[in-house]
PDB file of N, CA and C in Angstrom:
ATOM      1  N   UNK A   1       0.837  -1.172   0.000  1.00  0.00           N
ATOM      2  CA  UNK A   1       0.000   0.000   0.000  1.00  0.00           C
ATOM      3  C   UNK A   1       0.890   1.246   0.000  1.00  0.00           C
ATOM      4  N   UNK A   2       0.687   2.102  -0.938  1.00  0.00           N
ATOM      5  CA  UNK A   2       1.494   3.319  -1.081  1.00  0.00           C
ATOM      6  C   UNK A   2       0.957   4.419  -0.173  1.00  0.00           C
ATOM      7  N   UNK A   3       1.847   5.294   0.202  1.00  0.00           N
ATOM      8  CA  UNK A   3       1.445   6.431   1.026  1.00  0.00           C
ATOM      9  C   UNK A   3       0.804   7.514   0.161  1.00  0.00           C
ATOM     10  N   UNK A   4      -0.239   8.098   0.681  1.00  0.00           N
ATOM     11  CA  UNK A   4      -0.865   9.207  -0.028  1.00  0.00           C
ATOM     12  C   UNK A   4      -0.103  10.486   0.301  1.00  0.00           C
ATOM     13  N   UNK A   5      -0.416  11.550  -0.413  1.00  0.00           N
ATOM     14  CA  UNK A   5       0.229  12.829  -0.139  1.00  0.00           C
ATOM     15  C   UNK A   5      -0.061  13.308   1.276  1.00  0.00           C
ATOM     16  N   UNK A   6      -1.261  13.066   1.750  1.00  0.00           N
ATOM     17  CA  UNK A   6      -1.631  13.449   3.114  1.00  0.00           C
ATOM     18  C   UNK A   6      -0.781  12.697   4.132  1.00  0.00           C
ATOM     19  N   UNK A   7      -0.588  11.390   3.875  1.00  0.00           N
ATOM     20  CA  UNK A   7       0.250  10.589   4.770  1.00  0.00           C
ATOM     21  C   UNK A   7       1.687  11.101   4.777  1.00  0.00           C
ATOM     22  N   UNK A   8       2.202  11.440   3.594  1.00  0.00           N
ATOM     23  CA  UNK A   8       3.569  11.946   3.499  1.00  0.00           C
ATOM     24  C   UNK A   8       3.723  13.260   4.261  1.00  0.00           C
ATOM     25  N   UNK A   9       2.747  14.143   4.122  1.00  0.00           N
ATOM     26  CA  UNK A   9       2.784  15.425   4.836  1.00  0.00           C
ATOM     27  C   UNK A   9       2.754  15.204   6.351  1.00  0.00           C
ATOM     28  N   UNK A  10       1.940  14.247   6.782  1.00  0.00           N
ATOM     29  CA  UNK A  10       1.846  13.937   8.212  1.00  0.00           C
ATOM     30  C   UNK A  10       3.175  13.398   8.742  1.00  0.00           C
ATOM     31  N   UNK A  11       3.815  12.534   7.993  1.00  0.00           N
ATOM     32  CA  UNK A  11       5.123  12.004   8.388  1.00  0.00           C
ATOM     33  C   UNK A  11       6.153  13.127   8.444  1.00  0.00           C
ATOM     34  N   UNK A  12       6.145  14.014   7.460  1.00  0.00           N
ATOM     35  CA  UNK A  12       7.061  15.153   7.463  1.00  0.00           C
ATOM     36  C   UNK A  12       6.831  16.029   8.680  1.00  0.00           C
ATOM     37  N   UNK A  13       5.583  16.291   8.996  1.00  0.00           N
ATOM     38  CA  UNK A  13       5.252  17.140  10.145  1.00  0.00           C
ATOM     39  C   UNK A  13       5.736  16.510  11.445  1.00  0.00           C
ATOM     40  N   UNK A  14       5.510  15.227  11.599  1.00  0.00           N
ATOM     41  CA  UNK A  14       5.935  14.518  12.806  1.00  0.00           C
ATOM     42  C   UNK A  14       7.463  14.520  12.910  1.00  0.00           C
ATOM     43  N   UNK A  15       8.128  14.270  11.795  1.00  0.00           N
ATOM     44  CA  UNK A  15       9.596  14.248  11.799  1.00  0.00           C
ATOM     45  C   UNK A  15      10.166  15.616  12.155  1.00  0.00           C
ATOM     46  N   UNK A  16       9.597  16.684  11.588  1.00  0.00           N
ATOM     47  CA  UNK A  16      10.063  18.043  11.917  1.00  0.00           C
ATOM     48  C   UNK A  16       9.863  18.341  13.398  1.00  0.00           C
ATOM     49  N   UNK A  17       8.717  17.940  13.941  1.00  0.00           N
ATOM     50  CA  UNK A  17       8.440  18.194  15.351  1.00  0.00           C
ATOM     51  C   UNK A  17       9.421  17.426  16.231  1.00  0.00           C
ATOM     52  N   UNK A  18       9.671  16.168  15.921  1.00  0.00           N
ATOM     53  CA  UNK A  18      10.612  15.363  16.696  1.00  0.00           C
ATOM     54  C   UNK A  18      12.019  15.960  16.634  1.00  0.00           C
ATOM     55  N   UNK A  19      12.441  16.387  15.456  1.00  0.00           N
ATOM     56  CA  UNK A  19      13.765  16.975  15.297  1.00  0.00           C
ATOM     57  C   UNK A  19      13.873  18.274  16.087  1.00  0.00           C
ATOM     58  N   UNK A  20      12.846  19.114  16.017  1.00  0.00           N
ATOM     59  CA  UNK A  20      12.853  20.381  16.749  1.00  0.00           C
ATOM     60  C   UNK A  20      12.923  20.114  18.244  1.00  0.00           C
ATOM     61  N   UNK A  21      12.137  19.150  18.731  1.00  0.00           N
ATOM     62  CA  UNK A  21      12.163  18.814  20.156  1.00  0.00           C
ATOM     63  C   UNK A  21      13.541  18.314  20.582  1.00  0.00           C
ATOM     64  N   UNK A  22      14.171  17.510  19.741  1.00  0.00           N
ATOM     65  CA  UNK A  22      15.496  16.967  20.062  1.00  0.00           C
ATOM     66  C   UNK A  22      16.556  18.056  20.076  1.00  0.00           C
ATOM     67  N   UNK A  23      16.511  18.947  19.101  1.00  0.00           N
ATOM     68  CA  UNK A  23      17.521  19.999  18.987  1.00  0.00           C
ATOM     69  C   UNK A  23      17.430  20.991  20.132  1.00  0.00           C
ATOM     70  N   UNK A  24      16.245  21.242  20.646  1.00  0.00           N
ATOM     71  CA  UNK A  24      16.087  22.235  21.707  1.00  0.00           C
ATOM     72  C   UNK A  24      16.490  21.712  23.088  1.00  0.00           C
ATOM     73  N   UNK A  25      16.785  20.435  23.210  1.00  0.00           N
ATOM     74  CA  UNK A  25      17.195  19.882  24.497  1.00  0.00           C
ATOM     75  C   UNK A  25      18.593  20.383  24.853  1.00  0.00           C
ATOM     76  N   UNK A  26      18.817  20.720  26.112  1.00  0.00           N
ATOM     77  CA  UNK A  26      20.149  21.198  26.531  1.00  0.00           C
ATOM     78  C   UNK A  26      21.239  20.157  26.318  1.00  0.00           C
ATOM     79  N   UNK A  27      20.907  18.903  26.423  1.00  0.00           N
ATOM     80  CA  UNK A  27      21.882  17.828  26.227  1.00  0.00           C
ATOM     81  C   UNK A  27      22.458  17.883  24.811  1.00  0.00           C
ATOM     82  N   UNK A  28      21.617  18.087  23.824  1.00  0.00           N
ATOM     83  CA  UNK A  28      22.067  18.180  22.438  1.00  0.00           C
ATOM     84  C   UNK A  28      22.969  19.389  22.253  1.00  0.00           C
ATOM     85  N   UNK A  29      22.551  20.526  22.799  1.00  0.00           N
ATOM     86  CA  UNK A  29      23.332  21.755  22.684  1.00  0.00           C
ATOM     87  C   UNK A  29      24.715  21.578  23.313  1.00  0.00           C
ATOM     88  N   UNK A  30      24.761  21.000  24.508  1.00  0.00           N
ATOM     89  CA  UNK A  30      26.034  20.795  25.193  1.00  0.00           C
ATOM     90  C   UNK A  30      26.952  19.866  24.403  1.00  0.00           C
ATOM     91  N   UNK A  31      26.389  18.834  23.829  1.00  0.00           N
ATOM     92  CA  UNK A  31      27.188  17.885  23.044  1.00  0.00           C
ATOM     93  C   UNK A  31      27.782  18.562  21.806  1.00  0.00           C
ATOM     94  N   UNK A  32      26.992  19.366  21.130  1.00  0.00           N
ATOM     95  CA  UNK A  32      27.475  20.084  19.952  1.00  0.00           C
ATOM     96  C   UNK A  32      28.566  21.071  20.344  1.00  0.00           C
ATOM     97  N   UNK A  33      28.370  21.794  21.442  1.00  0.00           N
ATOM     98  CA  UNK A  33      29.383  22.745  21.899  1.00  0.00           C
ATOM     99  C   UNK A  33      30.691  22.040  22.233  1.00  0.00           C
ATOM    100  N   UNK A  34      30.611  20.870  22.864  1.00  0.00           N
ATOM    101  CA  UNK A  34      31.824  20.106  23.182  1.00  0.00           C
ATOM    102  C   UNK A  34      32.559  19.698  21.911  1.00  0.00           C
ATOM    103  N   UNK A  35      31.796  19.233  20.915  1.00  0.00           N
ATOM    104  CA  UNK A  35      32.414  18.828  19.659  1.00  0.00           C
ATOM    105  C   UNK A  35      33.096  20.004  18.958  1.00  0.00           C
ATOM    106  N   UNK A  36      32.436  21.143  18.958  1.00  0.00           N
ATOM    107  CA  UNK A  36      33.008  22.328  18.315  1.00  0.00           C
ATOM    108  C   UNK A  36      34.260  22.780  19.056  1.00  0.00           C
ATOM    109  N   UNK A  37      34.196  22.834  20.383  1.00  0.00           N
ATOM    110  CA  UNK A  37      35.367  23.223  21.169  1.00  0.00           C
ATOM    111  C   UNK A  37      36.539  22.280  20.924  1.00  0.00           C
ATOM    112  N   UNK A  38      36.255  20.993  20.885  1.00  0.00           N
ATOM    113  CA  UNK A  38      37.305  20.010  20.643  1.00  0.00           C
ATOM    114  C   UNK A  38      37.941  20.209  19.274  1.00  0.00           C
ATOM    115  N   UNK A  39      37.130  20.449  18.259  1.00  0.00           N
ATOM    116  CA  UNK A  39      37.652  20.645  16.911  1.00  0.00           C
ATOM    117  C   UNK A  39      38.478  21.927  16.806  1.00  0.00           C
ATOM    118  N   UNK A  40      38.028  22.984  17.462  1.00  0.00           N
ATOM    119  CA  UNK A  40      38.770  24.244  17.407  1.00  0.00           C
ATOM    120  C   UNK A  40      40.101  24.111  18.133  1.00  0.00           C
ATOM    121  N   UNK A  41      40.107  23.421  19.260  1.00  0.00           N
ATOM    122  CA  UNK A  41      41.336  23.273  20.039  1.00  0.00           C
ATOM    123  C   UNK A  41      42.334  22.322  19.389  1.00  0.00           C
ATOM    124  N   UNK A  42      41.889  21.506  18.447  1.00  0.00           N
ATOM    125  CA  UNK A  42      42.775  20.516  17.834  1.00  0.00           C
ATOM    126  C   UNK A  42      43.882  21.124  17.000  1.00  0.00           C
ATOM    127  N   UNK A  43      43.717  22.347  16.543  1.00  0.00           N
ATOM    128  CA  UNK A  43      44.819  22.917  15.788  1.00  0.00           C
ATOM    129  C   UNK A  43      44.428  24.102  14.948  1.00  0.00           C
ATOM    130  N   UNK A  44      45.452  24.689  14.353  1.00  0.00           N
ATOM    131  CA  UNK A  44      45.262  25.873  13.525  1.00  0.00           C
ATOM    132  C   UNK A  44      44.538  25.531  12.235  1.00  0.00           C
ATOM    133  N   UNK A  45      44.652  24.297  11.790  1.00  0.00           N
ATOM    134  CA  UNK A  45      44.008  23.926  10.530  1.00  0.00           C
ATOM    135  C   UNK A  45      42.498  24.139  10.615  1.00  0.00           C
ATOM    136  N   UNK A  46      41.884  23.626  11.662  1.00  0.00           N
ATOM    137  CA  UNK A  46      40.433  23.779  11.783  1.00  0.00           C
ATOM    138  C   UNK A  46      40.072  25.243  11.999  1.00  0.00           C
ATOM    139  N   UNK A  47      40.929  25.971  12.724  1.00  0.00           N
ATOM    140  CA  UNK A  47      40.676  27.395  12.949  1.00  0.00           C
ATOM    141  C   UNK A  47      40.733  28.150  11.626  1.00  0.00           C
ATOM    142  N   UNK A  48      41.701  27.829  10.788  1.00  0.00           N
ATOM    143  CA  UNK A  48      41.796  28.508   9.491  1.00  0.00           C
ATOM    144  C   UNK A  48      40.613  28.149   8.596  1.00  0.00           C
ATOM    145  N   UNK A  49      40.132  26.927   8.714  1.00  0.00           N
ATOM    146  CA  UNK A  49      38.950  26.527   7.948  1.00  0.00           C
ATOM    147  C   UNK A  49      37.729  27.319   8.388  1.00  0.00           C
ATOM    148  N   UNK A  50      37.593  27.547   9.690  1.00  0.00           N
ATOM    149  CA  UNK A  50      36.470  28.329  10.215  1.00  0.00           C
ATOM    150  C   UNK A  50      36.552  29.757   9.701  1.00  0.00           C
ATOM    151  N   UNK A  51      37.751  30.332   9.741  1.00  0.00           N
ATOM    152  CA  UNK A  51      37.938  31.697   9.245  1.00  0.00           C
ATOM    153  C   UNK A  51      37.584  31.767   7.767  1.00  0.00           C
ATOM    154  N   UNK A  52      37.990  30.760   7.007  1.00  0.00           N
ATOM    155  CA  UNK A  52      37.690  30.721   5.580  1.00  0.00           C
ATOM    156  C   UNK A  52      36.185  30.648   5.336  1.00  0.00           C
ATOM    157  N   UNK A  53      35.508  29.802   6.066  1.00  0.00           N
ATOM    158  CA  UNK A  53      34.056  29.659   5.902  1.00  0.00           C
ATOM    159  C   UNK A  53      33.342  30.949   6.287  1.00  0.00           C
ATOM    160  N   UNK A  54      33.718  31.539   7.409  1.00  0.00           N
ATOM    161  CA  UNK A  54      33.067  32.769   7.868  1.00  0.00           C
ATOM    162  C   UNK A  54      33.287  33.898   6.872  1.00  0.00           C
ATOM    163  N   UNK A  55      34.510  34.002   6.345  1.00  0.00           N
ATOM    164  CA  UNK A  55      34.766  35.069   5.380  1.00  0.00           C
ATOM    165  C   UNK A  55      33.956  34.868   4.100  1.00  0.00           C
ATOM    166  N   UNK A  56      33.800  33.631   3.661  1.00  0.00           N
ATOM    167  CA  UNK A  56      32.988  33.365   2.471  1.00  0.00           C
ATOM    168  C   UNK A  56      31.513  33.691   2.726  1.00  0.00           C
ATOM    169  N   UNK A  57      31.029  33.339   3.899  1.00  0.00           N
ATOM    170  CA  UNK A  57      29.637  33.624   4.236  1.00  0.00           C
ATOM    171  C   UNK A  57      29.399  35.127   4.285  1.00  0.00           C
ATOM    172  N   UNK A  58      30.317  35.858   4.912  1.00  0.00           N
ATOM    173  CA  UNK A  58      30.170  37.311   5.003  1.00  0.00           C
ATOM    174  C   UNK A  58      30.212  37.952   3.620  1.00  0.00           C
ATOM    175  N   UNK A  59      31.080  37.465   2.754  1.00  0.00           N
ATOM    176  CA  UNK A  59      31.166  37.989   1.399  1.00  0.00           C
ATOM    177  C   UNK A  59      29.861  37.756   0.645  1.00  0.00           C
ATOM    178  N   UNK A  60      29.310  36.558   0.750  1.00  0.00           N
ATOM    179  CA  UNK A  60      28.044  36.264   0.081  1.00  0.00           C
ATOM    180  C   UNK A  60      26.901  37.097   0.659  1.00  0.00           C
ATOM    181  N   UNK A  61      26.905  37.298   1.966  1.00  0.00           N
ATOM    182  CA  UNK A  61      25.887  38.131   2.588  1.00  0.00           C
ATOM    183  C   UNK A  61      25.978  39.561   2.072  1.00  0.00           C
ATOM    184  N   UNK A  62      27.183  40.094   2.005  1.00  0.00           N
ATOM    185  CA  UNK A  62      27.387  41.449   1.503  1.00  0.00           C
ATOM    186  C   UNK A  62      26.912  41.564   0.053  1.00  0.00           C
ATOM    187  N   UNK A  63      27.271  40.572  -0.773  1.00  0.00           N
ATOM    188  CA  UNK A  63      26.844  40.582  -2.180  1.00  0.00           C
ATOM    189  C   UNK A  63      25.319  40.549  -2.282  1.00  0.00           C
ATOM    190  N   UNK A  64      24.694  39.705  -1.472  1.00  0.00           N
ATOM    191  CA  UNK A  64      23.236  39.592  -1.504  1.00  0.00           C
ATOM    192  C   UNK A  64      22.583  40.903  -1.107  1.00  0.00           C
ATOM    193  N   UNK A  65      23.098  41.517  -0.040  1.00  0.00           N
ATOM    194  CA  UNK A  65      22.557  42.809   0.372  1.00  0.00           C
ATOM    195  C   UNK A  65      22.750  43.855  -0.712  1.00  0.00           C
ATOM    196  N   UNK A  66      23.896  43.815  -1.370  1.00  0.00           N
ATOM    197  CA  UNK A  66      24.159  44.815  -2.405  1.00  0.00           C
ATOM    198  C   UNK A  66      23.229  44.618  -3.598  1.00  0.00           C
ATOM    199  N   UNK A  67      23.077  43.376  -4.045  1.00  0.00           N
ATOM    200  CA  UNK A  67      22.234  43.118  -5.213  1.00  0.00           C
ATOM    201  C   UNK A  67      20.760  43.374  -4.925  1.00  0.00           C
ATOM    202  N   UNK A  68      20.355  43.190  -3.692  1.00  0.00           N
ATOM    203  CA  UNK A  68      18.948  43.373  -3.335  1.00  0.00           C
ATOM    204  C   UNK A  68      18.734  44.620  -2.493  1.00  0.00           C
ATOM    205  N   UNK A  69      19.582  45.607  -2.685  1.00  0.00           N
ATOM    206  CA  UNK A  69      19.510  46.814  -1.864  1.00  0.00           C
ATOM    207  C   UNK A  69      18.203  47.571  -2.071  1.00  0.00           C
ATOM    208  N   UNK A  70      17.590  47.427  -3.240  1.00  0.00           N
ATOM    209  CA  UNK A  70      16.327  48.124  -3.474  1.00  0.00           C
ATOM    210  C   UNK A  70      15.242  47.623  -2.519  1.00  0.00           C
ATOM    211  N   UNK A  71      15.365  46.382  -2.057  1.00  0.00           N
ATOM    212  CA  UNK A  71      14.376  45.832  -1.133  1.00  0.00           C
ATOM    213  C   UNK A  71      14.495  46.458   0.250  1.00  0.00           C
ATOM    214  N   UNK A  72      15.705  46.651   0.758  1.00  0.00           N
ATOM    215  CA  UNK A  72      15.859  47.118   2.132  1.00  0.00           C
ATOM    216  C   UNK A  72      16.206  48.597   2.249  1.00  0.00           C
ATOM    217  N   UNK A  73      16.663  49.229   1.176  1.00  0.00           N
ATOM    218  CA  UNK A  73      17.021  50.642   1.262  1.00  0.00           C
ATOM    219  C   UNK A  73      15.811  51.507   1.576  1.00  0.00           C
ATOM    220  N   UNK A  74      14.721  51.242   0.917  1.00  0.00           N
ATOM    221  CA  UNK A  74      13.518  52.036   1.146  1.00  0.00           C
ATOM    222  C   UNK A  74      13.014  51.861   2.573  1.00  0.00           C
ATOM    223  N   UNK A  75      13.152  50.669   3.146  1.00  0.00           N
ATOM    224  CA  UNK A  75      12.723  50.423   4.526  1.00  0.00           C
ATOM    225  C   UNK A  75      13.575  51.216   5.508  1.00  0.00           C
ATOM    226  N   UNK A  76      14.866  51.296   5.257  1.00  0.00           N
ATOM    227  CA  UNK A  76      15.760  52.035   6.151  1.00  0.00           C
ATOM    228  C   UNK A  76      15.488  53.537   6.038  1.00  0.00           C
ATOM    229  N   UNK A  77      15.221  54.020   4.847  1.00  0.00           N
ATOM    230  CA  UNK A  77      14.966  55.450   4.660  1.00  0.00           C
ATOM    231  C   UNK A  77      13.683  55.880   5.375  1.00  0.00           C
ATOM    232  N   UNK A  78      12.720  54.955   5.513  1.00  0.00           N
ATOM    233  CA  UNK A  78      11.452  55.295   6.147  1.00  0.00           C
ATOM    234  C   UNK A  78      11.556  55.390   7.667  1.00  0.00           C
ATOM    235  N   UNK A  79      12.570  54.784   8.239  1.00  0.00           N
ATOM    236  CA  UNK A  79      12.724  54.797   9.697  1.00  0.00           C
ATOM    237  C   UNK A  79      13.224  56.171  10.127  1.00  0.00           C
ATOM    238  N   UNK A  80      12.513  56.763  11.042  1.00  0.00           N
ATOM    239  CA  UNK A  80      12.903  58.095  11.535  1.00  0.00           C
ATOM    240  C   UNK A  80      12.780  58.175  13.022  1.00  0.00           C
TER     241      UNK A  80
END
């Protein structure tokens, strides 16, 4: 028996809810923080990779803001 679209949507909804509940637990957060701290402390290589990723993200963010400045410029001008 195949799943209907309604069944698929219900499974997706349940999975999203379970994932959200799991991610918001302090245990999950603490475990992720430990892993990140361990990776950063392991050496300059991982630190340089983080710097590289952050710089690329910031560059893309800046480009996106610049290309779509017509969307947010008018909003900023209206604030007084």
